[in-house]
Amino acid sequence: KKKQQKGKSRKNGTSGGGKKPAPSLEDVLSQAESAMEMSDIDTAMKLFGYAAQLLRSRIHGADAGNGDEQDKCTLANVLGKMGELKASCGDVEGARNEFLDAIELLGNQQEATEVMQGE
């Protein structure tokens, strides 16, 4: 019975019981930039990949005009950084794909800006 009680107290305790709150996008990007500066490519790729996933879910789940363009611009920047990292590792095709995705996002943003200005 003591073992069960210890297990329960750990689960219900504040230290290590619950999930950690998700880090903010700004924190993830800051850590990714730091990892990139320190040439920790694996960590930087993981962090930028996580940031890209967060941004894509925001963009696809966002209502029109609700910070969507800012998220697209940030995602394009993240994809550019991922392209740089892949190029530095010799993954030319992977880098090309990241850069093309970033360009496509920025192209769509430019079209949206032109449409908004034309109205």
Protein backbone atom coordinates (compact mmCIF):
# COMPACT_ATOMS: atom_id res chain seq x y z
CA LYS A 1 0.00 0.00 0.00
CA LYS A 2 2.84 2.39 0.71
CA LYS A 3 4.15 2.04 -2.84
CA GLN A 4 0.74 2.88 -4.27
CA GLN A 5 0.45 5.91 -2.02
CA LYS A 6 3.89 7.15 -3.07
CA GLY A 7 2.92 6.76 -6.72
CA LYS A 8 -0.29 8.66 -6.17
CA SER A 9 1.40 11.48 -4.32
CA ARG A 10 3.85 11.94 -7.18
CA LYS A 11 1.05 12.10 -9.72
CA ASN A 12 -0.91 14.59 -7.66
CA GLY A 13 2.12 16.61 -6.57
CA THR A 14 3.13 19.83 -8.24
CA SER A 15 6.62 18.66 -9.15
CA GLY A 16 6.55 16.67 -12.36
CA GLY A 17 2.89 15.61 -12.24
CA GLY A 18 1.25 17.77 -14.88
CA LYS A 19 2.25 18.73 -18.38
CA LYS A 20 4.48 21.74 -18.81
CA PRO A 21 2.81 24.66 -20.55
CA ALA A 22 3.77 24.89 -24.21
CA PRO A 23 6.55 27.40 -24.82
CA SER A 24 5.57 30.55 -26.65
CA LEU A 25 6.42 30.89 -30.32
CA GLU A 26 8.76 33.77 -29.48
CA ASP A 27 10.67 31.59 -26.98
CA VAL A 28 10.99 28.76 -29.50
CA LEU A 29 12.27 31.12 -32.20
CA SER A 30 14.71 32.74 -29.79
CA GLN A 31 16.09 29.35 -28.73
CA ALA A 32 16.31 28.25 -32.38
CA GLU A 33 18.26 31.40 -33.29
CA SER A 34 20.64 30.79 -30.36
CA ALA A 35 21.15 27.17 -31.40
CA MET A 36 21.84 28.31 -34.97
CA GLU A 37 24.42 30.85 -33.77
CA MET A 38 26.15 28.13 -31.73
CA SER A 39 26.16 25.79 -34.77
CA ASP A 40 23.87 23.33 -32.98
CA ILE A 41 22.16 22.41 -36.24
CA ASP A 42 20.11 19.48 -34.95
CA THR A 43 18.58 21.51 -32.13
CA ALA A 44 17.99 24.51 -34.40
CA MET A 45 16.25 22.31 -37.00
CA LYS A 46 14.02 20.73 -34.36
CA LEU A 47 13.07 24.11 -32.90
CA PHE A 48 12.48 25.78 -36.27
CA GLY A 49 10.50 22.70 -37.34
CA TYR A 50 8.32 22.99 -34.24
CA ALA A 51 7.84 26.71 -34.87
CA ALA A 52 6.88 26.02 -38.50
CA GLN A 53 4.34 23.43 -37.36
CA LEU A 54 2.86 25.90 -34.86
CA LEU A 55 2.65 28.64 -37.47
CA ARG A 56 1.07 26.37 -40.08
CA SER A 57 -1.61 25.30 -37.61
CA ARG A 58 -2.25 28.96 -36.76
CA ILE A 59 -2.48 29.93 -40.43
CA HIS A 60 -4.80 27.09 -41.37
CA GLY A 61 -6.95 27.59 -38.28
CA ALA A 62 -7.05 31.39 -38.34
CA ASP A 63 -9.98 33.50 -39.38
CA ALA A 64 -9.31 35.72 -42.38
CA GLY A 65 -7.51 38.91 -41.36
CA ASN A 66 -6.74 37.73 -37.83
CA GLY A 67 -2.94 38.13 -37.83
CA ASP A 68 -2.75 35.61 -40.66
CA GLU A 69 -0.39 37.70 -42.80
CA GLN A 70 2.03 38.25 -39.91
CA ASP A 71 2.10 34.50 -39.25
CA LYS A 72 2.77 33.84 -42.95
CA CYS A 73 5.66 36.29 -42.93
CA THR A 74 7.09 34.70 -39.79
CA LEU A 75 6.66 31.22 -41.29
CA ALA A 76 8.46 32.33 -44.47
CA ASN A 77 11.33 33.58 -42.29
CA VAL A 78 11.42 30.26 -40.38
CA LEU A 79 11.42 28.29 -43.64
CA GLY A 80 14.29 30.45 -44.89
CA LYS A 81 16.29 29.66 -41.74
CA MET A 82 15.55 25.95 -42.19
CA GLY A 83 16.73 26.26 -45.79
CA GLU A 84 19.97 27.85 -44.61
CA LEU A 85 20.53 25.04 -42.10
CA LYS A 86 19.83 22.33 -44.66
CA ALA A 87 22.16 23.99 -47.18
CA SER A 88 24.93 24.14 -44.57
CA CYS A 89 24.53 20.37 -44.07
CA GLY A 90 24.73 19.71 -47.80
CA ASP A 91 21.01 18.93 -48.20
CA VAL A 92 20.63 21.01 -51.36
CA GLU A 93 17.26 19.55 -52.36
CA GLY A 94 15.83 20.00 -48.85
CA ALA A 95 17.11 23.59 -48.76
CA ARG A 96 15.59 24.30 -52.17
CA ASN A 97 12.20 23.01 -51.00
CA GLU A 98 12.27 25.19 -47.87
CA PHE A 99 13.23 28.28 -49.89
CA LEU A 100 10.53 27.60 -52.49
CA ASP A 101 7.89 27.19 -49.77
CA ALA A 102 9.01 30.50 -48.23
CA ILE A 103 8.87 32.26 -51.61
CA GLU A 104 5.40 30.84 -52.27
CA LEU A 105 4.17 32.16 -48.91
CA LEU A 106 5.63 35.60 -49.58
CA GLY A 107 4.19 35.61 -53.09
CA ASN A 108 0.74 34.85 -51.72
CA GLN A 109 1.18 37.59 -49.15
CA GLN A 110 2.15 40.08 -51.85
CA GLU A 111 -0.94 39.15 -53.90
CA ALA A 112 -3.15 39.57 -50.82
CA THR A 113 -1.64 43.01 -50.14
CA GLU A 114 -2.24 44.10 -53.72
CA VAL A 115 -5.87 42.94 -53.56
CA MET A 116 -6.42 44.79 -50.28
CA GLN A 117 -4.89 47.99 -51.66
CA GLY A 118 -6.98 47.75 -54.83
CA GLU A 119 -10.27 47.69 -52.90
